[in-house]
Amino acid sequence: MVRGLRIWMGNNASEVVKRAVIVVDKRTEVWGGSGDSSANTSYY
């Protein structure tokens, strides 16, 4: 809980940045899904 709150507060305190970029990679992370539970996918 403290870690999540610190990340959330740190993001809110950061400035909004706009940059010219190129997409160089994409990846997914699948977690969970054993037994009767559903899998979750995170996208990066």
PDB file of all heavy atoms in Angstrom:
ATOM      1  N   MET A   1       0.826  -1.203   0.000  1.00  0.00           N
ATOM      2  CA  MET A   1       0.000   0.000   0.000  1.00  0.00           C
ATOM      3  C   MET A   1       0.865   1.260   0.000  1.00  0.00           C
ATOM      4  O   MET A   1       0.608   2.196  -0.759  1.00  0.00           O
ATOM      5  CB  MET A   1      -0.946   0.002   1.202  1.00  0.00           C
ATOM      6  CG  MET A   1      -2.070  -1.001   1.077  1.00  0.00           C
ATOM      7  SD  MET A   1      -3.118  -1.143   2.537  1.00  0.00           S
ATOM      8  CE  MET A   1      -3.411   0.526   2.985  1.00  0.00           C
ATOM      9  N   VAL A   2       1.895   1.295   0.823  1.00  0.00           N
ATOM     10  CA  VAL A   2       2.769   2.461   0.900  1.00  0.00           C
ATOM     11  C   VAL A   2       3.525   2.640  -0.411  1.00  0.00           C
ATOM     12  O   VAL A   2       3.651   3.758  -0.922  1.00  0.00           O
ATOM     13  CB  VAL A   2       3.737   2.342   2.102  1.00  0.00           C
ATOM     14  CG1 VAL A   2       4.835   3.389   2.038  1.00  0.00           C
ATOM     15  CG2 VAL A   2       2.966   2.452   3.404  1.00  0.00           C
ATOM     16  N   ARG A   3       4.013   1.558  -0.987  1.00  0.00           N
ATOM     17  CA  ARG A   3       4.746   1.634  -2.258  1.00  0.00           C
ATOM     18  C   ARG A   3       3.844   2.170  -3.367  1.00  0.00           C
ATOM     19  O   ARG A   3       4.243   3.053  -4.137  1.00  0.00           O
ATOM     20  CB  ARG A   3       5.281   0.254  -2.631  1.00  0.00           C
ATOM     21  CG  ARG A   3       6.084   0.247  -3.902  1.00  0.00           C
ATOM     22  CD  ARG A   3       6.702  -1.138  -4.132  1.00  0.00           C
ATOM     23  NE  ARG A   3       7.461  -1.145  -5.348  1.00  0.00           N
ATOM     24  CZ  ARG A   3       7.019  -1.662  -6.493  1.00  0.00           C
ATOM     25  NH1 ARG A   3       5.827  -2.221  -6.550  1.00  0.00           N
ATOM     26  NH2 ARG A   3       7.767  -1.629  -7.570  1.00  0.00           N
ATOM     27  N   GLY A   4       2.631   1.646  -3.478  1.00  0.00           N
ATOM     28  CA  GLY A   4       1.696   2.121  -4.490  1.00  0.00           C
ATOM     29  C   GLY A   4       1.342   3.585  -4.299  1.00  0.00           C
ATOM     30  O   GLY A   4       1.254   4.348  -5.266  1.00  0.00           O
ATOM     31  N   LEU A   5       1.167   3.991  -3.056  1.00  0.00           N
ATOM     32  CA  LEU A   5       0.850   5.392  -2.762  1.00  0.00           C
ATOM     33  C   LEU A   5       2.018   6.307  -3.122  1.00  0.00           C
ATOM     34  O   LEU A   5       1.815   7.392  -3.673  1.00  0.00           O
ATOM     35  CB  LEU A   5       0.478   5.546  -1.286  1.00  0.00           C
ATOM     36  CG  LEU A   5      -0.002   6.915  -0.844  1.00  0.00           C
ATOM     37  CD1 LEU A   5      -1.278   7.299  -1.586  1.00  0.00           C
ATOM     38  CD2 LEU A   5      -0.240   6.931   0.656  1.00  0.00           C
ATOM     39  N   ARG A   6       3.250   5.872  -2.846  1.00  0.00           N
ATOM     40  CA  ARG A   6       4.426   6.677  -3.188  1.00  0.00           C
ATOM     41  C   ARG A   6       4.568   6.832  -4.699  1.00  0.00           C
ATOM     42  O   ARG A   6       4.893   7.911  -5.191  1.00  0.00           O
ATOM     43  CB  ARG A   6       5.691   6.058  -2.610  1.00  0.00           C
ATOM     44  CG  ARG A   6       5.773   6.200  -1.094  1.00  0.00           C
ATOM     45  CD  ARG A   6       7.086   5.720  -0.558  1.00  0.00           C
ATOM     46  NE  ARG A   6       8.122   6.652  -1.002  1.00  0.00           N
ATOM     47  CZ  ARG A   6       9.394   6.331  -1.114  1.00  0.00           C
ATOM     48  NH1 ARG A   6       9.792   5.120  -0.828  1.00  0.00           N
ATOM     49  NH2 ARG A   6      10.267   7.219  -1.494  1.00  0.00           N
ATOM     50  N   ILE A   7       4.342   5.757  -5.458  1.00  0.00           N
ATOM     51  CA  ILE A   7       4.415   5.838  -6.919  1.00  0.00           C
ATOM     52  C   ILE A   7       3.338   6.775  -7.449  1.00  0.00           C
ATOM     53  O   ILE A   7       3.599   7.635  -8.297  1.00  0.00           O
ATOM     54  CB  ILE A   7       4.296   4.439  -7.559  1.00  0.00           C
ATOM     55  CG1 ILE A   7       5.543   3.606  -7.239  1.00  0.00           C
ATOM     56  CG2 ILE A   7       4.082   4.535  -9.065  1.00  0.00           C
ATOM     57  CD1 ILE A   7       5.438   2.152  -7.626  1.00  0.00           C
ATOM     58  N   TRP A   8       2.126   6.636  -6.953  1.00  0.00           N
ATOM     59  CA  TRP A   8       1.011   7.483  -7.382  1.00  0.00           C
ATOM     60  C   TRP A   8       1.297   8.952  -7.075  1.00  0.00           C
ATOM     61  O   TRP A   8       1.104   9.820  -7.930  1.00  0.00           O
ATOM     62  CB  TRP A   8      -0.267   7.015  -6.699  1.00  0.00           C
ATOM     63  CG  TRP A   8      -1.486   7.788  -7.065  1.00  0.00           C
ATOM     64  CD1 TRP A   8      -2.210   7.693  -8.215  1.00  0.00           C
ATOM     65  CD2 TRP A   8      -2.126   8.785  -6.267  1.00  0.00           C
ATOM     66  NE1 TRP A   8      -3.263   8.561  -8.175  1.00  0.00           N
ATOM     67  CE2 TRP A   8      -3.241   9.253  -6.993  1.00  0.00           C
ATOM     68  CE3 TRP A   8      -1.869   9.319  -5.012  1.00  0.00           C
ATOM     69  CZ2 TRP A   8      -4.072  10.230  -6.494  1.00  0.00           C
ATOM     70  CZ3 TRP A   8      -2.715  10.291  -4.529  1.00  0.00           C
ATOM     71  CH2 TRP A   8      -3.805  10.734  -5.273  1.00  0.00           C
ATOM     72  N   MET A   9       1.770   9.241  -5.863  1.00  0.00           N
ATOM     73  CA  MET A   9       2.079  10.619  -5.489  1.00  0.00           C
ATOM     74  C   MET A   9       3.259  11.162  -6.297  1.00  0.00           C
ATOM     75  O   MET A   9       3.261  12.334  -6.694  1.00  0.00           O
ATOM     76  CB  MET A   9       2.378  10.709  -3.988  1.00  0.00           C
ATOM     77  CG  MET A   9       1.147  10.523  -3.128  1.00  0.00           C
ATOM     78  SD  MET A   9       1.492  10.451  -1.353  1.00  0.00           S
ATOM     79  CE  MET A   9       2.292  12.000  -1.081  1.00  0.00           C
ATOM     80  N   GLY A  10       4.267  10.331  -6.553  1.00  0.00           N
ATOM     81  CA  GLY A  10       5.407  10.750  -7.361  1.00  0.00           C
ATOM     82  C   GLY A  10       4.997  11.091  -8.787  1.00  0.00           C
ATOM     83  O   GLY A  10       5.467  12.075  -9.361  1.00  0.00           O
ATOM     84  N   ASN A  11       4.117  10.277  -9.372  1.00  0.00           N
ATOM     85  CA  ASN A  11       3.622  10.581 -10.716  1.00  0.00           C
ATOM     86  C   ASN A  11       2.826  11.877 -10.727  1.00  0.00           C
ATOM     87  O   ASN A  11       2.960  12.689 -11.649  1.00  0.00           O
ATOM     88  CB  ASN A  11       2.764   9.433 -11.249  1.00  0.00           C
ATOM     89  CG  ASN A  11       3.585   8.263 -11.710  1.00  0.00           C
ATOM     90  OD1 ASN A  11       4.755   8.389 -12.030  1.00  0.00           O
ATOM     91  ND2 ASN A  11       2.976   7.097 -11.735  1.00  0.00           N
ATOM     92  N   ASN A  12       1.984  12.087  -9.725  1.00  0.00           N
ATOM     93  CA  ASN A  12       1.194  13.316  -9.663  1.00  0.00           C
ATOM     94  C   ASN A  12       2.073  14.544  -9.487  1.00  0.00           C
ATOM     95  O   ASN A  12       1.744  15.623  -9.978  1.00  0.00           O
ATOM     96  CB  ASN A  12       0.159  13.244  -8.536  1.00  0.00           C
ATOM     97  CG  ASN A  12      -0.978  12.321  -8.871  1.00  0.00           C
ATOM     98  OD1 ASN A  12      -1.198  11.974 -10.020  1.00  0.00           O
ATOM     99  ND2 ASN A  12      -1.710  11.914  -7.856  1.00  0.00           N
ATOM    100  N   ALA A  13       3.197  14.406  -8.786  1.00  0.00           N
ATOM    101  CA  ALA A  13       4.092  15.542  -8.558  1.00  0.00           C
ATOM    102  C   ALA A  13       4.988  15.817  -9.763  1.00  0.00           C
ATOM    103  O   ALA A  13       5.558  16.898  -9.872  1.00  0.00           O
ATOM    104  CB  ALA A  13       4.954  15.290  -7.318  1.00  0.00           C
ATOM    105  N   SER A  14       5.120  14.853 -10.671  1.00  0.00           N
ATOM    106  CA  SER A  14       5.970  15.032 -11.844  1.00  0.00           C
ATOM    107  C   SER A  14       5.286  15.929 -12.860  1.00  0.00           C
ATOM    108  O   SER A  14       4.063  15.991 -12.940  1.00  0.00           O
ATOM    109  CB  SER A  14       6.263  13.677 -12.503  1.00  0.00           C
ATOM    110  OG  SER A  14       6.974  12.845 -11.640  1.00  0.00           O
ATOM    111  N   GLU A  15       6.112  16.589 -13.648  1.00  0.00           N
ATOM    112  CA  GLU A  15       5.558  17.435 -14.698  1.00  0.00           C
ATOM    113  C   GLU A  15       5.118  16.565 -15.879  1.00  0.00           C
ATOM    114  O   GLU A  15       5.644  15.480 -16.095  1.00  0.00           O
ATOM    115  CB  GLU A  15       6.584  18.463 -15.161  1.00  0.00           C
ATOM    116  CG  GLU A  15       7.809  17.858 -15.831  1.00  0.00           C
ATOM    117  CD  GLU A  15       8.787  18.911 -16.299  1.00  0.00           C
ATOM    118  OE1 GLU A  15       8.567  19.483 -17.371  1.00  0.00           O
ATOM    119  OE2 GLU A  15       9.748  19.139 -15.553  1.00  0.00           O
ATOM    120  N   VAL A  16       4.144  17.061 -16.641  1.00  0.00           N
ATOM    121  CA  VAL A  16       3.702  16.384 -17.855  1.00  0.00           C
ATOM    122  C   VAL A  16       4.708  16.723 -18.949  1.00  0.00           C
ATOM    123  O   VAL A  16       4.980  17.888 -19.214  1.00  0.00           O
ATOM    124  CB  VAL A  16       2.277  16.823 -18.251  1.00  0.00           C
ATOM    125  CG1 VAL A  16       1.865  16.181 -19.556  1.00  0.00           C
ATOM    126  CG2 VAL A  16       1.297  16.474 -17.138  1.00  0.00           C
ATOM    127  N   VAL A  17       5.296  15.676 -19.558  1.00  0.00           N
ATOM    128  CA  VAL A  17       6.363  15.853 -20.532  1.00  0.00           C
ATOM    129  C   VAL A  17       5.867  15.414 -21.909  1.00  0.00           C
ATOM    130  O   VAL A  17       5.226  14.374 -22.042  1.00  0.00           O
ATOM    131  CB  VAL A  17       7.604  15.016 -20.136  1.00  0.00           C
ATOM    132  CG1 VAL A  17       8.710  15.153 -21.161  1.00  0.00           C
ATOM    133  CG2 VAL A  17       8.085  15.397 -18.754  1.00  0.00           C
ATOM    134  N   LYS A  18       6.175  16.219 -22.932  1.00  0.00           N
ATOM    135  CA  LYS A  18       5.892  15.866 -24.325  1.00  0.00           C
ATOM    136  C   LYS A  18       7.225  15.778 -25.051  1.00  0.00           C
ATOM    137  O   LYS A  18       8.025  16.707 -24.991  1.00  0.00           O
ATOM    138  CB  LYS A  18       4.998  16.917 -24.990  1.00  0.00           C
ATOM    139  CG  LYS A  18       3.595  16.931 -24.455  1.00  0.00           C
ATOM    140  CD  LYS A  18       2.733  17.893 -25.241  1.00  0.00           C
ATOM    141  CE  LYS A  18       1.310  17.833 -24.683  1.00  0.00           C
ATOM    142  NZ  LYS A  18       0.375  18.545 -25.548  1.00  0.00           N
ATOM    143  N   ARG A  19       7.468  14.632 -25.711  1.00  0.00           N
ATOM    144  CA  ARG A  19       8.741  14.404 -26.390  1.00  0.00           C
ATOM    145  C   ARG A  19       8.492  13.765 -27.745  1.00  0.00           C
ATOM    146  O   ARG A  19       7.558  12.978 -27.916  1.00  0.00           O
ATOM    147  CB  ARG A  19       9.619  13.442 -25.582  1.00  0.00           C
ATOM    148  CG  ARG A  19       9.929  13.841 -24.149  1.00  0.00           C
ATOM    149  CD  ARG A  19      10.921  14.960 -24.031  1.00  0.00           C
ATOM    150  NE  ARG A  19      12.183  14.698 -24.656  1.00  0.00           N
ATOM    151  CZ  ARG A  19      13.244  14.207 -24.053  1.00  0.00           C
ATOM    152  NH1 ARG A  19      13.198  13.891 -22.790  1.00  0.00           N
ATOM    153  NH2 ARG A  19      14.359  14.018 -24.729  1.00  0.00           N
ATOM    154  N   ALA A  20       9.381  14.068 -28.700  1.00  0.00           N
ATOM    155  CA  ALA A  20       9.393  13.372 -29.979  1.00  0.00           C
ATOM    156  C   ALA A  20      10.069  12.024 -29.754  1.00  0.00           C
ATOM    157  O   ALA A  20      11.166  11.965 -29.184  1.00  0.00           O
ATOM    158  CB  ALA A  20      10.141  14.184 -31.014  1.00  0.00           C
ATOM    159  N   VAL A  21       9.416  10.940 -30.172  1.00  0.00           N
ATOM    160  CA  VAL A  21       9.919   9.598 -29.885  1.00  0.00           C
ATOM    161  C   VAL A  21       9.708   8.676 -31.076  1.00  0.00           C
ATOM    162  O   VAL A  21       8.974   8.989 -32.018  1.00  0.00           O
ATOM    163  CB  VAL A  21       9.224   8.979 -28.647  1.00  0.00           C
ATOM    164  CG1 VAL A  21       9.500   9.768 -27.394  1.00  0.00           C
ATOM    165  CG2 VAL A  21       7.739   8.832 -28.875  1.00  0.00           C
ATOM    166  N   ILE A  22      10.355   7.515 -30.981  1.00  0.00           N
ATOM    167  CA  ILE A  22      10.145   6.402 -31.901  1.00  0.00           C
ATOM    168  C   ILE A  22       9.802   5.186 -31.050  1.00  0.00           C
ATOM    169  O   ILE A  22      10.435   4.936 -30.023  1.00  0.00           O
ATOM    170  CB  ILE A  22      11.407   6.096 -32.723  1.00  0.00           C
ATOM    171  CG1 ILE A  22      11.796   7.311 -33.567  1.00  0.00           C
ATOM    172  CG2 ILE A  22      11.208   4.876 -33.604  1.00  0.00           C
ATOM    173  CD1 ILE A  22      13.118   7.154 -34.282  1.00  0.00           C
ATOM    174  N   VAL A  23       8.795   4.417 -31.446  1.00  0.00           N
ATOM    175  CA  VAL A  23       8.460   3.166 -30.754  1.00  0.00           C
ATOM    176  C   VAL A  23       9.509   2.138 -31.166  1.00  0.00           C
ATOM    177  O   VAL A  23       9.645   1.823 -32.345  1.00  0.00           O
ATOM    178  CB  VAL A  23       7.045   2.680 -31.134  1.00  0.00           C
ATOM    179  CG1 VAL A  23       6.756   1.336 -30.491  1.00  0.00           C
ATOM    180  CG2 VAL A  23       5.999   3.707 -30.737  1.00  0.00           C
ATOM    181  N   VAL A  24      10.285   1.645 -30.188  1.00  0.00           N
ATOM    182  CA  VAL A  24      11.367   0.705 -30.509  1.00  0.00           C
ATOM    183  C   VAL A  24      11.080  -0.725 -30.049  1.00  0.00           C
ATOM    184  O   VAL A  24      11.724  -1.657 -30.530  1.00  0.00           O
ATOM    185  CB  VAL A  24      12.727   1.171 -29.932  1.00  0.00           C
ATOM    186  CG1 VAL A  24      13.188   2.432 -30.644  1.00  0.00           C
ATOM    187  CG2 VAL A  24      12.663   1.380 -28.444  1.00  0.00           C
ATOM    188  N   ASP A  25      10.118  -0.921 -29.146  1.00  0.00           N
ATOM    189  CA  ASP A  25       9.824  -2.277 -28.692  1.00  0.00           C
ATOM    190  C   ASP A  25       8.467  -2.311 -28.011  1.00  0.00           C
ATOM    191  O   ASP A  25       8.003  -1.299 -27.474  1.00  0.00           O
ATOM    192  CB  ASP A  25      10.904  -2.766 -27.731  1.00  0.00           C
ATOM    193  CG  ASP A  25      10.865  -4.281 -27.521  1.00  0.00           C
ATOM    194  OD1 ASP A  25      10.279  -4.982 -28.374  1.00  0.00           O
ATOM    195  OD2 ASP A  25      11.423  -4.755 -26.520  1.00  0.00           O
ATOM    196  N   LYS A  26       7.851  -3.461 -28.061  1.00  0.00           N
ATOM    197  CA  LYS A  26       6.591  -3.718 -27.351  1.00  0.00           C
ATOM    198  C   LYS A  26       6.707  -5.083 -26.691  1.00  0.00           C
ATOM    199  O   LYS A  26       7.332  -5.980 -27.237  1.00  0.00           O
ATOM    200  CB  LYS A  26       5.422  -3.744 -28.339  1.00  0.00           C
ATOM    201  CG  LYS A  26       5.139  -2.428 -29.023  1.00  0.00           C
ATOM    202  CD  LYS A  26       4.141  -2.569 -30.159  1.00  0.00           C
ATOM    203  CE  LYS A  26       2.832  -3.163 -29.713  1.00  0.00           C
ATOM    204  NZ  LYS A  26       1.818  -3.184 -30.779  1.00  0.00           N
ATOM    205  N   ARG A  27       6.124  -5.204 -25.507  1.00  0.00           N
ATOM    206  CA  ARG A  27       6.129  -6.512 -24.847  1.00  0.00           C
ATOM    207  C   ARG A  27       4.880  -6.667 -23.994  1.00  0.00           C
ATOM    208  O   ARG A  27       4.239  -5.685 -23.627  1.00  0.00           O
ATOM    209  CB  ARG A  27       7.381  -6.728 -24.009  1.00  0.00           C
ATOM    210  CG  ARG A  27       7.444  -5.931 -22.741  1.00  0.00           C
ATOM    211  CD  ARG A  27       8.707  -6.246 -21.938  1.00  0.00           C
ATOM    212  NE  ARG A  27       8.791  -5.430 -20.749  1.00  0.00           N
ATOM    213  CZ  ARG A  27       8.341  -5.801 -19.555  1.00  0.00           C
ATOM    214  NH1 ARG A  27       7.784  -6.985 -19.382  1.00  0.00           N
ATOM    215  NH2 ARG A  27       8.456  -4.992 -18.516  1.00  0.00           N
ATOM    216  N   THR A  28       4.564  -7.909 -23.692  1.00  0.00           N
ATOM    217  CA  THR A  28       3.454  -8.217 -22.799  1.00  0.00           C
ATOM    218  C   THR A  28       3.963  -9.068 -21.659  1.00  0.00           C
ATOM    219  O   THR A  28       4.980  -9.760 -21.785  1.00  0.00           O
ATOM    220  CB  THR A  28       2.333  -8.977 -23.529  1.00  0.00           C
ATOM    221  OG1 THR A  28       2.857 -10.189 -24.059  1.00  0.00           O
ATOM    222  CG2 THR A  28       1.723  -8.151 -24.633  1.00  0.00           C
ATOM    223  N   GLU A  29       3.264  -9.013 -20.564  1.00  0.00           N
ATOM    224  CA  GLU A  29       3.577  -9.851 -19.402  1.00  0.00           C
ATOM    225  C   GLU A  29       2.273 -10.494 -18.955  1.00  0.00           C
ATOM    226  O   GLU A  29       1.328  -9.798 -18.575  1.00  0.00           O
ATOM    227  CB  GLU A  29       4.172  -9.009 -18.281  1.00  0.00           C
ATOM    228  CG  GLU A  29       4.518  -9.794 -17.053  1.00  0.00           C
ATOM    229  CD  GLU A  29       5.096  -8.918 -15.953  1.00  0.00           C
ATOM    230  OE1 GLU A  29       5.118  -7.687 -16.095  1.00  0.00           O
ATOM    231  OE2 GLU A  29       5.501  -9.488 -14.932  1.00  0.00           O
ATOM    232  N   VAL A  30       2.207 -11.814 -19.037  1.00  0.00           N
ATOM    233  CA  VAL A  30       1.015 -12.554 -18.636  1.00  0.00           C
ATOM    234  C   VAL A  30       1.266 -13.144 -17.265  1.00  0.00           C
ATOM    235  O   VAL A  30       2.302 -13.764 -17.025  1.00  0.00           O
ATOM    236  CB  VAL A  30       0.680 -13.665 -19.658  1.00  0.00           C
ATOM    237  CG1 VAL A  30      -0.564 -14.428 -19.232  1.00  0.00           C
ATOM    238  CG2 VAL A  30       0.506 -13.074 -21.040  1.00  0.00           C
ATOM    239  N   TRP A  31       0.322 -12.962 -16.346  1.00  0.00           N
ATOM    240  CA  TRP A  31       0.478 -13.478 -14.987  1.00  0.00           C
ATOM    241  C   TRP A  31      -0.861 -14.012 -14.503  1.00  0.00           C
ATOM    242  O   TRP A  31      -1.914 -13.623 -14.975  1.00  0.00           O
ATOM    243  CB  TRP A  31       1.038 -12.421 -14.042  1.00  0.00           C
ATOM    244  CG  TRP A  31       0.386 -11.084 -14.129  1.00  0.00           C
ATOM    245  CD1 TRP A  31       0.594 -10.110 -15.061  1.00  0.00           C
ATOM    246  CD2 TRP A  31      -0.607 -10.566 -13.241  1.00  0.00           C
ATOM    247  NE1 TRP A  31      -0.193  -9.016 -14.806  1.00  0.00           N
ATOM    248  CE2 TRP A  31      -0.942  -9.267 -13.699  1.00  0.00           C
ATOM    249  CE3 TRP A  31      -1.245 -11.065 -12.119  1.00  0.00           C
ATOM    250  CZ2 TRP A  31      -1.884  -8.482 -13.061  1.00  0.00           C
ATOM    251  CZ3 TRP A  31      -2.175 -10.265 -11.484  1.00  0.00           C
ATOM    252  CH2 TRP A  31      -2.482  -8.989 -11.950  1.00  0.00           C
ATOM    253  N   GLY A  32      -0.783 -14.955 -13.567  1.00  0.00           N
ATOM    254  CA  GLY A  32      -1.986 -15.612 -13.053  1.00  0.00           C
ATOM    255  C   GLY A  32      -2.430 -16.709 -13.998  1.00  0.00           C
ATOM    256  O   GLY A  32      -1.682 -17.197 -14.832  1.00  0.00           O
ATOM    257  N   GLY A  33      -3.669 -17.120 -13.851  1.00  0.00           N
ATOM    258  CA  GLY A  33      -4.259 -18.073 -14.776  1.00  0.00           C
ATOM    259  C   GLY A  33      -4.096 -19.527 -14.422  1.00  0.00           C
ATOM    260  O   GLY A  33      -4.345 -20.388 -15.245  1.00  0.00           O
ATOM    261  N   SER A  34      -3.700 -19.846 -13.208  1.00  0.00           N
ATOM    262  CA  SER A  34      -3.596 -21.253 -12.841  1.00  0.00           C
ATOM    263  C   SER A  34      -4.926 -21.739 -12.272  1.00  0.00           C
ATOM    264  O   SER A  34      -5.671 -20.987 -11.653  1.00  0.00           O
ATOM    265  CB  SER A  34      -2.475 -21.457 -11.827  1.00  0.00           C
ATOM    266  OG  SER A  34      -2.779 -20.769 -10.633  1.00  0.00           O
ATOM    267  N   GLY A  35      -5.222 -22.977 -12.534  1.00  0.00           N
ATOM    268  CA  GLY A  35      -6.471 -23.537 -12.018  1.00  0.00           C
ATOM    269  C   GLY A  35      -7.680 -22.884 -12.654  1.00  0.00           C
ATOM    270  O   GLY A  35      -7.781 -22.767 -13.867  1.00  0.00           O
ATOM    271  N   ASP A  36      -8.612 -22.431 -11.823  1.00  0.00           N
ATOM    272  CA  ASP A  36      -9.835 -21.817 -12.317  1.00  0.00           C
ATOM    273  C   ASP A  36      -9.744 -20.296 -12.423  1.00  0.00           C
ATOM    274  O   ASP A  36     -10.708 -19.641 -12.791  1.00  0.00           O
ATOM    275  CB  ASP A  36     -11.014 -22.164 -11.396  1.00  0.00           C
ATOM    276  CG  ASP A  36     -11.383 -23.636 -11.486  1.00  0.00           C
ATOM    277  OD1 ASP A  36     -11.081 -24.241 -12.536  1.00  0.00           O
ATOM    278  OD2 ASP A  36     -11.960 -24.167 -10.528  1.00  0.00           O
ATOM    279  N   SER A  37      -8.601 -19.710 -12.101  1.00  0.00           N
ATOM    280  CA  SER A  37      -8.487 -18.253 -12.156  1.00  0.00           C
ATOM    281  C   SER A  37      -8.104 -17.800 -13.565  1.00  0.00           C
ATOM    282  O   SER A  37      -7.452 -18.523 -14.313  1.00  0.00           O
ATOM    283  CB  SER A  37      -7.462 -17.740 -11.145  1.00  0.00           C
ATOM    284  OG  SER A  37      -6.176 -18.180 -11.492  1.00  0.00           O
ATOM    285  N   SER A  38      -8.516 -16.605 -13.919  1.00  0.00           N
ATOM    286  CA  SER A  38      -8.229 -16.098 -15.256  1.00  0.00           C
ATOM    287  C   SER A  38      -6.842 -15.456 -15.285  1.00  0.00           C
ATOM    288  O   SER A  38      -6.335 -14.997 -14.266  1.00  0.00           O
ATOM    289  CB  SER A  38      -9.283 -15.071 -15.669  1.00  0.00           C
ATOM    290  OG  SER A  38      -9.271 -13.977 -14.786  1.00  0.00           O
ATOM    291  N   ALA A  39      -6.260 -15.420 -16.467  1.00  0.00           N
ATOM    292  CA  ALA A  39      -4.945 -14.809 -16.655  1.00  0.00           C
ATOM    293  C   ALA A  39      -5.106 -13.306 -16.855  1.00  0.00           C
ATOM    294  O   ALA A  39      -6.127 -12.832 -17.343  1.00  0.00           O
ATOM    295  CB  ALA A  39      -4.236 -15.429 -17.850  1.00  0.00           C
ATOM    296  N   ASN A  40      -4.092 -12.557 -16.474  1.00  0.00           N
ATOM    297  CA  ASN A  40      -4.059 -11.107 -16.672  1.00  0.00           C
ATOM    298  C   ASN A  40      -2.863 -10.784 -17.543  1.00  0.00           C
ATOM    299  O   ASN A  40      -1.812 -11.416 -17.448  1.00  0.00           O
ATOM    300  CB  ASN A  40      -3.919 -10.385 -15.328  1.00  0.00           C
ATOM    301  CG  ASN A  40      -5.097 -10.644 -14.431  1.00  0.00           C
ATOM    302  OD1 ASN A  40      -6.208 -10.248 -14.734  1.00  0.00           O
ATOM    303  ND2 ASN A  40      -4.860 -11.338 -13.320  1.00  0.00           N
ATOM    304  N   THR A  41      -3.008  -9.778 -18.371  1.00  0.00           N
ATOM    305  CA  THR A  41      -1.930  -9.370 -19.259  1.00  0.00           C
ATOM    306  C   THR A  41      -1.614  -7.900 -19.035  1.00  0.00           C
ATOM    307  O   THR A  41      -2.519  -7.069 -19.012  1.00  0.00           O
ATOM    308  CB  THR A  41      -2.311  -9.594 -20.740  1.00  0.00           C
ATOM    309  OG1 THR A  41      -2.688 -10.963 -20.912  1.00  0.00           O
ATOM    310  CG2 THR A  41      -1.147  -9.274 -21.662  1.00  0.00           C
ATOM    311  N   SER A  42      -0.335  -7.602 -18.849  1.00  0.00           N
ATOM    312  CA  SER A  42       0.141  -6.223 -18.760  1.00  0.00           C
ATOM    313  C   SER A  42       0.865  -5.905 -20.061  1.00  0.00           C
ATOM    314  O   SER A  42       1.577  -6.748 -20.616  1.00  0.00           O
ATOM    315  CB  SER A  42       1.100  -6.060 -17.579  1.00  0.00           C
ATOM    316  OG  SER A  42       0.441  -6.357 -16.374  1.00  0.00           O
ATOM    317  N   TYR A  43       0.691  -4.680 -20.548  1.00  0.00           N
ATOM    318  CA  TYR A  43       1.258  -4.258 -21.827  1.00  0.00           C
ATOM    319  C   TYR A  43       2.271  -3.140 -21.605  1.00  0.00           C
ATOM    320  O   TYR A  43       1.997  -2.207 -20.847  1.00  0.00           O
ATOM    321  CB  TYR A  43       0.150  -3.765 -22.760  1.00  0.00           C
ATOM    322  CG  TYR A  43      -0.881  -4.818 -23.059  1.00  0.00           C
ATOM    323  CD1 TYR A  43      -2.020  -4.949 -22.270  1.00  0.00           C
ATOM    324  CD2 TYR A  43      -0.713  -5.691 -24.121  1.00  0.00           C
ATOM    325  CE1 TYR A  43      -2.965  -5.926 -22.537  1.00  0.00           C
ATOM    326  CE2 TYR A  43      -1.658  -6.676 -24.398  1.00  0.00           C
ATOM    327  CZ  TYR A  43      -2.780  -6.781 -23.598  1.00  0.00           C
ATOM    328  OH  TYR A  43      -3.703  -7.755 -23.866  1.00  0.00           O
ATOM    329  N   TYR A  44       3.414  -3.227 -22.279  1.00  0.00           N
ATOM    330  CA  TYR A  44       4.477  -2.243 -22.134  1.00  0.00           C
ATOM    331  C   TYR A  44       5.000  -1.843 -23.506  1.00  0.00           C
ATOM    332  O   TYR A  44       5.113  -2.678 -24.407  1.00  0.00           O
ATOM    333  CB  TYR A  44       5.645  -2.811 -21.317  1.00  0.00           C
ATOM    334  CG  TYR A  44       5.251  -3.240 -19.927  1.00  0.00           C
ATOM    335  CD1 TYR A  44       4.847  -4.541 -19.671  1.00  0.00           C
ATOM    336  CD2 TYR A  44       5.272  -2.334 -18.874  1.00  0.00           C
ATOM    337  CE1 TYR A  44       4.471  -4.931 -18.385  1.00  0.00           C
ATOM    338  CE2 TYR A  44       4.903  -2.716 -17.599  1.00  0.00           C
ATOM    339  CZ  TYR A  44       4.500  -4.023 -17.365  1.00  0.00           C
ATOM    340  OH  TYR A  44       4.130  -4.403 -16.112  1.00  0.00           O
TER     341      TYR A  44
END
